[in-house]
Structure formats: C-alpha cells, structure tokens
Amino acid sequence: MSWIIDKDCFADKDAKPRTNSNAVGVAGPREYQGDGSELKYKFRMMDDDGEIVYYGRCDSCDDDNAFGPLDDFGTPNYGCTRIDYLINGKWEML
C-alpha cells in the first residue's frame, strides 16, 4: 500500500513542502520510493468536525490497506478521523 498527499488544506504557507506543517508531497509508507504517478485512487481525509484536511492518492481504495494514509499520517499528524475515496465520481466513506 502506497499513498501521497496532493493538497494540505491547512498548510503553513511559509513551511517547506513534505513537512508536517505543509504535507504536500508527503508519501508513505516510509519505504515507498515512487513519485505518485502510479497512484490512481483519490482520497480525502477529514477531522471529527468534518473539515477536509488533506487530499491525496493511494494504490488501494477497497480493502484494509486503504486506511493506510489515515493510519500512517492523517490521524497522527492532524487528528483526522475519516477517509473517503472518490469512486465513480462520488466521495464514499471507507
């Protein structure tokens, strides 16, 4: 399972990308070496108030691995509690 963050909705504009303060380009898991071009499933992560925090892409959208972005980064970095995937043009909660 691999993933990458494409948009950080709360990024610190002065922070360097690929940091906890500006997550654009953060990818996982740590051993992932790709550039994200092969990741085709779009996701968004939200906090418990329903605010969208991150948008990104993953290589899975319908199994336990699809929780990877949330478990690896969204929850520990920002407290995200939900991940949705864009399936057939509609956002669906995993």
PDB file of N, CA and C in Angstrom:
ATOM      1  N   MET A   1       0.838  -1.171   0.000  1.00  0.00           N
ATOM      2  CA  MET A   1       0.000   0.000   0.000  1.00  0.00           C
ATOM      3  C   MET A   1       0.884   1.235   0.000  1.00  0.00           C
ATOM      4  N   SER A   2       0.618   2.138  -0.935  1.00  0.00           N
ATOM      5  CA  SER A   2       1.367   3.388  -1.042  1.00  0.00           C
ATOM      6  C   SER A   2       0.397   4.540  -1.201  1.00  0.00           C
ATOM      7  N   TRP A   3       0.818   5.725  -0.770  1.00  0.00           N
ATOM      8  CA  TRP A   3      -0.032   6.906  -0.836  1.00  0.00           C
ATOM      9  C   TRP A   3       0.830   8.172  -0.900  1.00  0.00           C
ATOM     10  N   ILE A   4       0.190   9.273  -1.325  1.00  0.00           N
ATOM     11  CA  ILE A   4       0.856  10.577  -1.371  1.00  0.00           C
ATOM     12  C   ILE A   4      -0.179  11.669  -1.103  1.00  0.00           C
ATOM     13  N   ILE A   5       0.235  12.726  -0.435  1.00  0.00           N
ATOM     14  CA  ILE A   5      -0.628  13.878  -0.167  1.00  0.00           C
ATOM     15  C   ILE A   5      -0.441  14.887  -1.300  1.00  0.00           C
ATOM     16  N   ASP A   6      -1.549  15.289  -1.936  1.00  0.00           N
ATOM     17  CA  ASP A   6      -1.521  16.265  -3.023  1.00  0.00           C
ATOM     18  C   ASP A   6      -1.867  17.675  -2.553  1.00  0.00           C
ATOM     19  N   LYS A   7      -2.715  17.775  -1.532  1.00  0.00           N
ATOM     20  CA  LYS A   7      -3.138  19.094  -1.050  1.00  0.00           C
ATOM     21  C   LYS A   7      -3.310  19.042   0.463  1.00  0.00           C
ATOM     22  N   ASP A   8      -2.734  20.019   1.128  1.00  0.00           N
ATOM     23  CA  ASP A   8      -2.880  20.209   2.570  1.00  0.00           C
ATOM     24  C   ASP A   8      -3.718  21.464   2.750  1.00  0.00           C
ATOM     25  N   CYS A   9      -4.956  21.319   3.153  1.00  0.00           N
ATOM     26  CA  CYS A   9      -5.885  22.445   3.247  1.00  0.00           C
ATOM     27  C   CYS A   9      -5.539  23.428   4.357  1.00  0.00           C
ATOM     28  N   PHE A  10      -4.686  23.031   5.287  1.00  0.00           N
ATOM     29  CA  PHE A  10      -4.294  23.899   6.400  1.00  0.00           C
ATOM     30  C   PHE A  10      -2.786  24.127   6.422  1.00  0.00           C
ATOM     31  N   ALA A  11      -2.150  24.036   5.261  1.00  0.00           N
ATOM     32  CA  ALA A  11      -0.694  24.171   5.188  1.00  0.00           C
ATOM     33  C   ALA A  11      -0.245  25.562   5.614  1.00  0.00           C
ATOM     34  N   ASP A  12       0.858  25.597   6.334  1.00  0.00           N
ATOM     35  CA  ASP A  12       1.533  26.843   6.655  1.00  0.00           C
ATOM     36  C   ASP A  12       2.243  27.283   5.373  1.00  0.00           C
ATOM     37  N   LYS A  13       1.847  28.401   4.821  1.00  0.00           N
ATOM     38  CA  LYS A  13       2.379  28.858   3.530  1.00  0.00           C
ATOM     39  C   LYS A  13       3.890  29.100   3.577  1.00  0.00           C
ATOM     40  N   ASP A  14       4.437  29.325   4.762  1.00  0.00           N
ATOM     41  CA  ASP A  14       5.871  29.563   4.895  1.00  0.00           C
ATOM     42  C   ASP A  14       6.659  28.278   5.147  1.00  0.00           C
ATOM     43  N   ALA A  15       5.973  27.185   5.388  1.00  0.00           N
ATOM     44  CA  ALA A  15       6.654  25.919   5.675  1.00  0.00           C
ATOM     45  C   ALA A  15       7.067  25.224   4.385  1.00  0.00           C
ATOM     46  N   LYS A  16       8.167  24.510   4.451  1.00  0.00           N
ATOM     47  CA  LYS A  16       8.624  23.737   3.305  1.00  0.00           C
ATOM     48  C   LYS A  16       7.656  22.592   3.040  1.00  0.00           C
ATOM     49  N   PRO A  17       7.414  22.253   1.760  1.00  0.00           N
ATOM     50  CA  PRO A  17       6.614  21.059   1.449  1.00  0.00           C
ATOM     51  C   PRO A  17       7.282  19.807   2.019  1.00  0.00           C
ATOM     52  N   ARG A  18       6.457  18.769   2.185  1.00  0.00           N
ATOM     53  CA  ARG A  18       6.910  17.479   2.704  1.00  0.00           C
ATOM     54  C   ARG A  18       7.286  17.547   4.181  1.00  0.00           C
ATOM     55  N   THR A  19       6.616  18.454   4.911  1.00  0.00           N
ATOM     56  CA  THR A  19       6.791  18.543   6.352  1.00  0.00           C
ATOM     57  C   THR A  19       5.419  18.416   6.999  1.00  0.00           C
ATOM     58  N   ASN A  20       5.385  18.270   8.303  1.00  0.00           N
ATOM     59  CA  ASN A  20       4.104  18.181   8.994  1.00  0.00           C
ATOM     60  C   ASN A  20       3.309  19.479   8.887  1.00  0.00           C
ATOM     61  N   SER A  21       3.971  20.606   8.680  1.00  0.00           N
ATOM     62  CA  SER A  21       3.291  21.892   8.552  1.00  0.00           C
ATOM     63  C   SER A  21       2.823  22.194   7.137  1.00  0.00           C
ATOM     64  N   ASN A  22       3.356  21.490   6.152  1.00  0.00           N
ATOM     65  CA  ASN A  22       2.943  21.609   4.748  1.00  0.00           C
ATOM     66  C   ASN A  22       3.133  20.223   4.134  1.00  0.00           C
ATOM     67  N   ALA A  23       2.095  19.416   4.192  1.00  0.00           N
ATOM     68  CA  ALA A  23       2.206  17.996   3.872  1.00  0.00           C
ATOM     69  C   ALA A  23       2.208  17.664   2.387  1.00  0.00           C
ATOM     70  N   VAL A  24       2.124  18.654   1.513  1.00  0.00           N
ATOM     71  CA  VAL A  24       2.134  18.374   0.074  1.00  0.00           C
ATOM     72  C   VAL A  24       3.417  17.610  -0.273  1.00  0.00           C
ATOM     73  N   GLY A  25       3.233  16.437  -0.858  1.00  0.00           N
ATOM     74  CA  GLY A  25       4.367  15.611  -1.242  1.00  0.00           C
ATOM     75  C   GLY A  25       4.759  14.564  -0.226  1.00  0.00           C
ATOM     76  N   VAL A  26       4.187  14.632   0.973  1.00  0.00           N
ATOM     77  CA  VAL A  26       4.459  13.582   1.959  1.00  0.00           C
ATOM     78  C   VAL A  26       3.889  12.282   1.408  1.00  0.00           C
ATOM     79  N   ALA A  27       4.665  11.222   1.486  1.00  0.00           N
ATOM     80  CA  ALA A  27       4.252   9.929   0.936  1.00  0.00           C
ATOM     81  C   ALA A  27       4.548   8.835   1.947  1.00  0.00           C
ATOM     82  N   GLY A  28       3.873   7.742   1.781  1.00  0.00           N
ATOM     83  CA  GLY A  28       4.097   6.631   2.691  1.00  0.00           C
ATOM     84  C   GLY A  28       3.757   5.323   2.033  1.00  0.00           C
ATOM     85  N   PRO A  29       4.116   4.260   2.678  1.00  0.00           N
ATOM     86  CA  PRO A  29       4.885   4.202   3.914  1.00  0.00           C
ATOM     87  C   PRO A  29       6.329   4.638   3.673  1.00  0.00           C
ATOM     88  N   ARG A  30       7.129   4.662   4.705  1.00  0.00           N
ATOM     89  CA  ARG A  30       8.495   5.192   4.603  1.00  0.00           C
ATOM     90  C   ARG A  30       9.303   4.575   3.481  1.00  0.00           C
ATOM     91  N   GLU A  31       9.103   3.291   3.230  1.00  0.00           N
ATOM     92  CA  GLU A  31       9.900   2.627   2.194  1.00  0.00           C
ATOM     93  C   GLU A  31       9.408   2.915   0.778  1.00  0.00           C
ATOM     94  N   TYR A  32       8.296   3.643   0.640  1.00  0.00           N
ATOM     95  CA  TYR A  32       7.781   3.978  -0.693  1.00  0.00           C
ATOM     96  C   TYR A  32       8.783   4.871  -1.416  1.00  0.00           C
ATOM     97  N   GLN A  33       9.147   4.498  -2.636  1.00  0.00           N
ATOM     98  CA  GLN A  33      10.149   5.223  -3.417  1.00  0.00           C
ATOM     99  C   GLN A  33       9.588   5.851  -4.694  1.00  0.00           C
ATOM    100  N   GLY A  34       8.297   5.708  -4.952  1.00  0.00           N
ATOM    101  CA  GLY A  34       7.712   6.229  -6.184  1.00  0.00           C
ATOM    102  C   GLY A  34       7.504   7.731  -6.155  1.00  0.00           C
ATOM    103  N   ASP A  35       7.008   8.252  -7.265  1.00  0.00           N
ATOM    104  CA  ASP A  35       6.715   9.686  -7.375  1.00  0.00           C
ATOM    105  C   ASP A  35       5.214   9.970  -7.305  1.00  0.00           C
ATOM    106  N   GLY A  36       4.420   8.936  -7.123  1.00  0.00           N
ATOM    107  CA  GLY A  36       2.974   9.089  -7.016  1.00  0.00           C
ATOM    108  C   GLY A  36       2.222   8.930  -8.322  1.00  0.00           C
ATOM    109  N   SER A  37       2.931   8.890  -9.433  1.00  0.00           N
ATOM    110  CA  SER A  37       2.250   8.844 -10.729  1.00  0.00           C
ATOM    111  C   SER A  37       1.430   7.567 -10.926  1.00  0.00           C
ATOM    112  N   GLU A  38       1.783   6.497 -10.242  1.00  0.00           N
ATOM    113  CA  GLU A  38       1.053   5.235 -10.393  1.00  0.00           C
ATOM    114  C   GLU A  38      -0.128   5.113  -9.429  1.00  0.00           C
ATOM    115  N   LEU A  39      -0.285   6.081  -8.542  1.00  0.00           N
ATOM    116  CA  LEU A  39      -1.351   6.026  -7.538  1.00  0.00           C
ATOM    117  C   LEU A  39      -2.623   6.629  -8.129  1.00  0.00           C
ATOM    118  N   LYS A  40      -3.653   5.815  -8.299  1.00  0.00           N
ATOM    119  CA  LYS A  40      -4.809   6.277  -9.061  1.00  0.00           C
ATOM    120  C   LYS A  40      -6.077   6.514  -8.250  1.00  0.00           C
ATOM    121  N   TYR A  41      -6.129   6.075  -7.012  1.00  0.00           N
ATOM    122  CA  TYR A  41      -7.350   6.236  -6.222  1.00  0.00           C
ATOM    123  C   TYR A  41      -7.267   7.505  -5.378  1.00  0.00           C
ATOM    124  N   LYS A  42      -8.164   8.453  -5.653  1.00  0.00           N
ATOM    125  CA  LYS A  42      -8.161   9.732  -4.945  1.00  0.00           C
ATOM    126  C   LYS A  42      -8.865   9.591  -3.604  1.00  0.00           C
ATOM    127  N   PHE A  43      -8.265  10.227  -2.584  1.00  0.00           N
ATOM    128  CA  PHE A  43      -8.880  10.220  -1.256  1.00  0.00           C
ATOM    129  C   PHE A  43      -8.876  11.632  -0.668  1.00  0.00           C
ATOM    130  N   ARG A  44      -9.685  11.784   0.364  1.00  0.00           N
ATOM    131  CA  ARG A  44      -9.657  12.986   1.190  1.00  0.00           C
ATOM    132  C   ARG A  44      -9.774  12.530   2.635  1.00  0.00           C
ATOM    133  N   MET A  45      -9.115  13.251   3.532  1.00  0.00           N
ATOM    134  CA  MET A  45      -9.183  12.943   4.949  1.00  0.00           C
ATOM    135  C   MET A  45      -9.773  14.131   5.685  1.00  0.00           C
ATOM    136  N   MET A  46     -10.593  13.828   6.691  1.00  0.00           N
ATOM    137  CA  MET A  46     -11.281  14.861   7.445  1.00  0.00           C
ATOM    138  C   MET A  46     -11.056  14.695   8.940  1.00  0.00           C
ATOM    139  N   ASP A  47     -11.219  15.809   9.655  1.00  0.00           N
ATOM    140  CA  ASP A  47     -11.172  15.741  11.108  1.00  0.00           C
ATOM    141  C   ASP A  47     -12.571  15.428  11.638  1.00  0.00           C
ATOM    142  N   ASP A  48     -12.716  15.356  12.949  1.00  0.00           N
ATOM    143  CA  ASP A  48     -14.017  14.953  13.500  1.00  0.00           C
ATOM    144  C   ASP A  48     -15.082  16.043  13.407  1.00  0.00           C
ATOM    145  N   ASP A  49     -14.709  17.240  12.946  1.00  0.00           N
ATOM    146  CA  ASP A  49     -15.695  18.292  12.669  1.00  0.00           C
ATOM    147  C   ASP A  49     -16.152  18.258  11.212  1.00  0.00           C
ATOM    148  N   GLY A  50     -15.619  17.321  10.439  1.00  0.00           N
ATOM    149  CA  GLY A  50     -15.979  17.216   9.031  1.00  0.00           C
ATOM    150  C   GLY A  50     -15.198  18.138   8.117  1.00  0.00           C
ATOM    151  N   GLU A  51     -14.179  18.815   8.642  1.00  0.00           N
ATOM    152  CA  GLU A  51     -13.335  19.697   7.831  1.00  0.00           C
ATOM    153  C   GLU A  51     -12.364  18.845   7.017  1.00  0.00           C
ATOM    154  N   ILE A  52     -12.298  19.105   5.733  1.00  0.00           N
ATOM    155  CA  ILE A  52     -11.331  18.387   4.896  1.00  0.00           C
ATOM    156  C   ILE A  52      -9.945  18.939   5.196  1.00  0.00           C
ATOM    157  N   VAL A  53      -9.026  18.046   5.506  1.00  0.00           N
ATOM    158  CA  VAL A  53      -7.667  18.425   5.866  1.00  0.00           C
ATOM    159  C   VAL A  53      -6.696  18.129   4.728  1.00  0.00           C
ATOM    160  N   TYR A  54      -6.784  16.933   4.153  1.00  0.00           N
ATOM    161  CA  TYR A  54      -5.855  16.509   3.111  1.00  0.00           C
ATOM    162  C   TYR A  54      -6.598  15.879   1.939  1.00  0.00           C
ATOM    163  N   TYR A  55      -6.028  16.078   0.751  1.00  0.00           N
ATOM    164  CA  TYR A  55      -6.402  15.333  -0.450  1.00  0.00           C
ATOM    165  C   TYR A  55      -5.153  14.585  -0.902  1.00  0.00           C
ATOM    166  N   GLY A  56      -5.349  13.402  -1.468  1.00  0.00           N
ATOM    167  CA  GLY A  56      -4.206  12.651  -1.955  1.00  0.00           C
ATOM    168  C   GLY A  56      -4.628  11.504  -2.839  1.00  0.00           C
ATOM    169  N   ARG A  57      -3.657  10.615  -3.113  1.00  0.00           N
ATOM    170  CA  ARG A  57      -3.894   9.447  -3.946  1.00  0.00           C
ATOM    171  C   ARG A  57      -3.253   8.228  -3.302  1.00  0.00           C
ATOM    172  N   CYS A  58      -3.851   7.062  -3.579  1.00  0.00           N
ATOM    173  CA  CYS A  58      -3.424   5.804  -2.977  1.00  0.00           C
ATOM    174  C   CYS A  58      -3.505   4.705  -4.033  1.00  0.00           C
ATOM    175  N   ASP A  59      -2.878   3.559  -3.750  1.00  0.00           N
ATOM    176  CA  ASP A  59      -2.951   2.446  -4.699  1.00  0.00           C
ATOM    177  C   ASP A  59      -4.027   1.435  -4.340  1.00  0.00           C
ATOM    178  N   SER A  60      -4.849   1.754  -3.353  1.00  0.00           N
ATOM    179  CA  SER A  60      -5.931   0.861  -2.935  1.00  0.00           C
ATOM    180  C   SER A  60      -7.084   1.709  -2.418  1.00  0.00           C
ATOM    181  N   CYS A  61      -8.313   1.234  -2.641  1.00  0.00           N
ATOM    182  CA  CYS A  61      -9.459   2.005  -2.150  1.00  0.00           C
ATOM    183  C   CYS A  61     -10.538   1.138  -1.524  1.00  0.00           C
ATOM    184  N   ASP A  62     -10.334  -0.175  -1.470  1.00  0.00           N
ATOM    185  CA  ASP A  62     -11.440  -1.015  -1.024  1.00  0.00           C
ATOM    186  C   ASP A  62     -11.013  -2.200  -0.161  1.00  0.00           C
ATOM    187  N   ASP A  63      -9.912  -2.050   0.542  1.00  0.00           N
ATOM    188  CA  ASP A  63      -9.501  -3.102   1.466  1.00  0.00           C
ATOM    189  C   ASP A  63      -8.888  -2.457   2.703  1.00  0.00           C
ATOM    190  N   ASP A  64      -8.392  -3.247   3.626  1.00  0.00           N
ATOM    191  CA  ASP A  64      -7.822  -2.694   4.856  1.00  0.00           C
ATOM    192  C   ASP A  64      -6.640  -1.775   4.583  1.00  0.00           C
ATOM    193  N   ASN A  65      -5.907  -2.014   3.492  1.00  0.00           N
ATOM    194  CA  ASN A  65      -4.771  -1.161   3.154  1.00  0.00           C
ATOM    195  C   ASN A  65      -5.190   0.266   2.826  1.00  0.00           C
ATOM    196  N   ALA A  66      -6.429   0.457   2.417  1.00  0.00           N
ATOM    197  CA  ALA A  66      -6.909   1.781   2.045  1.00  0.00           C
ATOM    198  C   ALA A  66      -6.972   2.732   3.240  1.00  0.00           C
ATOM    199  N   PHE A  67      -6.881   2.201   4.452  1.00  0.00           N
ATOM    200  CA  PHE A  67      -6.828   3.038   5.649  1.00  0.00           C
ATOM    201  C   PHE A  67      -5.419   3.561   5.904  1.00  0.00           C
ATOM    202  N   GLY A  68      -4.439   3.105   5.127  1.00  0.00           N
ATOM    203  CA  GLY A  68      -3.042   3.477   5.331  1.00  0.00           C
ATOM    204  C   GLY A  68      -2.786   4.967   5.462  1.00  0.00           C
ATOM    205  N   PRO A  69      -3.268   5.808   4.548  1.00  0.00           N
ATOM    206  CA  PRO A  69      -2.997   7.241   4.685  1.00  0.00           C
ATOM    207  C   PRO A  69      -3.528   7.815   5.996  1.00  0.00           C
ATOM    208  N   LEU A  70      -4.694   7.364   6.405  1.00  0.00           N
ATOM    209  CA  LEU A  70      -5.294   7.830   7.647  1.00  0.00           C
ATOM    210  C   LEU A  70      -4.480   7.355   8.847  1.00  0.00           C
ATOM    211  N   ASP A  71      -4.170   6.060   8.874  1.00  0.00           N
ATOM    212  CA  ASP A  71      -3.432   5.487   9.996  1.00  0.00           C
ATOM    213  C   ASP A  71      -1.995   5.977  10.061  1.00  0.00           C
ATOM    214  N   ASP A  72      -1.346   6.065   8.901  1.00  0.00           N
ATOM    215  CA  ASP A  72       0.075   6.433   8.852  1.00  0.00           C
ATOM    216  C   ASP A  72       0.314   7.915   9.088  1.00  0.00           C
ATOM    217  N   PHE A  73      -0.582   8.766   8.578  1.00  0.00           N
ATOM    218  CA  PHE A  73      -0.293  10.194   8.590  1.00  0.00           C
ATOM    219  C   PHE A  73      -1.444  11.074   9.078  1.00  0.00           C
ATOM    220  N   GLY A  74      -2.640  10.878   8.540  1.00  0.00           N
ATOM    221  CA  GLY A  74      -3.749  11.790   8.844  1.00  0.00           C
ATOM    222  C   GLY A  74      -4.097  11.876  10.312  1.00  0.00           C
ATOM    223  N   THR A  75      -4.215  10.738  10.969  1.00  0.00           N
ATOM    224  CA  THR A  75      -4.565  10.737  12.388  1.00  0.00           C
ATOM    225  C   THR A  75      -3.417  11.243  13.257  1.00  0.00           C
ATOM    226  N   PRO A  76      -2.209  10.699  13.113  1.00  0.00           N
ATOM    227  CA  PRO A  76      -1.149  11.178  13.997  1.00  0.00           C
ATOM    228  C   PRO A  76      -0.727  12.629  13.748  1.00  0.00           C
ATOM    229  N   ASN A  77      -0.793  13.100  12.505  1.00  0.00           N
ATOM    230  CA  ASN A  77      -0.317  14.453  12.220  1.00  0.00           C
ATOM    231  C   ASN A  77      -1.373  15.523  12.499  1.00  0.00           C
ATOM    232  N   TYR A  78      -2.636  15.244  12.197  1.00  0.00           N
ATOM    233  CA  TYR A  78      -3.657  16.289  12.315  1.00  0.00           C
ATOM    234  C   TYR A  78      -4.893  15.847  13.088  1.00  0.00           C
ATOM    235  N   GLY A  79      -4.978  14.613  13.468  1.00  0.00           N
ATOM    236  CA  GLY A  79      -6.166  14.141  14.168  1.00  0.00           C
ATOM    237  C   GLY A  79      -7.314  13.779  13.247  1.00  0.00           C
ATOM    238  N   CYS A  80      -7.018  13.476  12.002  1.00  0.00           N
ATOM    239  CA  CYS A  80      -8.075  13.075  11.065  1.00  0.00           C
ATOM    240  C   CYS A  80      -8.734  11.791  11.565  1.00  0.00           C
ATOM    241  N   THR A  81     -10.037  11.726  11.366  1.00  0.00           N
ATOM    242  CA  THR A  81     -10.806  10.577  11.847  1.00  0.00           C
ATOM    243  C   THR A  81     -11.554   9.849  10.737  1.00  0.00           C
ATOM    244  N   ARG A  82     -11.459  10.373   9.525  1.00  0.00           N
ATOM    245  CA  ARG A  82     -12.242   9.791   8.430  1.00  0.00           C
ATOM    246  C   ARG A  82     -11.475   9.898   7.122  1.00  0.00           C
ATOM    247  N   ILE A  83     -11.641   8.886   6.273  1.00  0.00           N
ATOM    248  CA  ILE A  83     -11.075   8.914   4.930  1.00  0.00           C
ATOM    249  C   ILE A  83     -12.161   8.500   3.941  1.00  0.00           C
ATOM    250  N   ASP A  84     -12.308   9.277   2.880  1.00  0.00           N
ATOM    251  CA  ASP A  84     -13.252   8.994   1.802  1.00  0.00           C
ATOM    252  C   ASP A  84     -12.460   8.776   0.525  1.00  0.00           C
ATOM    253  N   TYR A  85     -13.001   7.938  -0.354  1.00  0.00           N
ATOM    254  CA  TYR A  85     -12.401   7.706  -1.669  1.00  0.00           C
ATOM    255  C   TYR A  85     -13.383   8.133  -2.747  1.00  0.00           C
ATOM    256  N   LEU A  86     -12.853   8.690  -3.829  1.00  0.00           N
ATOM    257  CA  LEU A  86     -13.669   9.084  -4.981  1.00  0.00           C
ATOM    258  C   LEU A  86     -13.888   7.848  -5.846  1.00  0.00           C
ATOM    259  N   ILE A  87     -15.119   7.350  -5.829  1.00  0.00           N
ATOM    260  CA  ILE A  87     -15.472   6.137  -6.557  1.00  0.00           C
ATOM    261  C   ILE A  87     -16.645   6.452  -7.478  1.00  0.00           C
ATOM    262  N   ASN A  88     -16.438   6.262  -8.766  1.00  0.00           N
ATOM    263  CA  ASN A  88     -17.471   6.544  -9.766  1.00  0.00           C
ATOM    264  C   ASN A  88     -17.996   7.968  -9.637  1.00  0.00           C
ATOM    265  N   GLY A  89     -17.106   8.915  -9.392  1.00  0.00           N
ATOM    266  CA  GLY A  89     -17.479  10.322  -9.334  1.00  0.00           C
ATOM    267  C   GLY A  89     -18.104  10.790  -8.043  1.00  0.00           C
ATOM    268  N   LYS A  90     -18.194   9.905  -7.028  1.00  0.00           N
ATOM    269  CA  LYS A  90     -18.794  10.287  -5.744  1.00  0.00           C
ATOM    270  C   LYS A  90     -17.835   9.943  -4.614  1.00  0.00           C
ATOM    271  N   TRP A  91     -17.781  10.821  -3.611  1.00  0.00           N
ATOM    272  CA  TRP A  91     -16.982  10.546  -2.424  1.00  0.00           C
ATOM    273  C   TRP A  91     -17.710   9.531  -1.553  1.00  0.00           C
ATOM    274  N   GLU A  92     -17.009   8.453  -1.221  1.00  0.00           N
ATOM    275  CA  GLU A  92     -17.588   7.400  -0.390  1.00  0.00           C
ATOM    276  C   GLU A  92     -16.690   7.154   0.814  1.00  0.00           C
ATOM    277  N   MET A  93     -17.310   7.157   2.001  1.00  0.00           N
ATOM    278  CA  MET A  93     -16.565   6.894   3.221  1.00  0.00           C
ATOM    279  C   MET A  93     -16.155   5.428   3.267  1.00  0.00           C
ATOM    280  N   LEU A  94     -14.918   5.196   3.628  1.00  0.00           N
ATOM    281  CA  LEU A  94     -14.406   3.832   3.709  1.00  0.00           C
ATOM    282  C   LEU A  94     -14.921   3.149   4.964  1.00  0.00           C
TER     283      LEU A  94
END
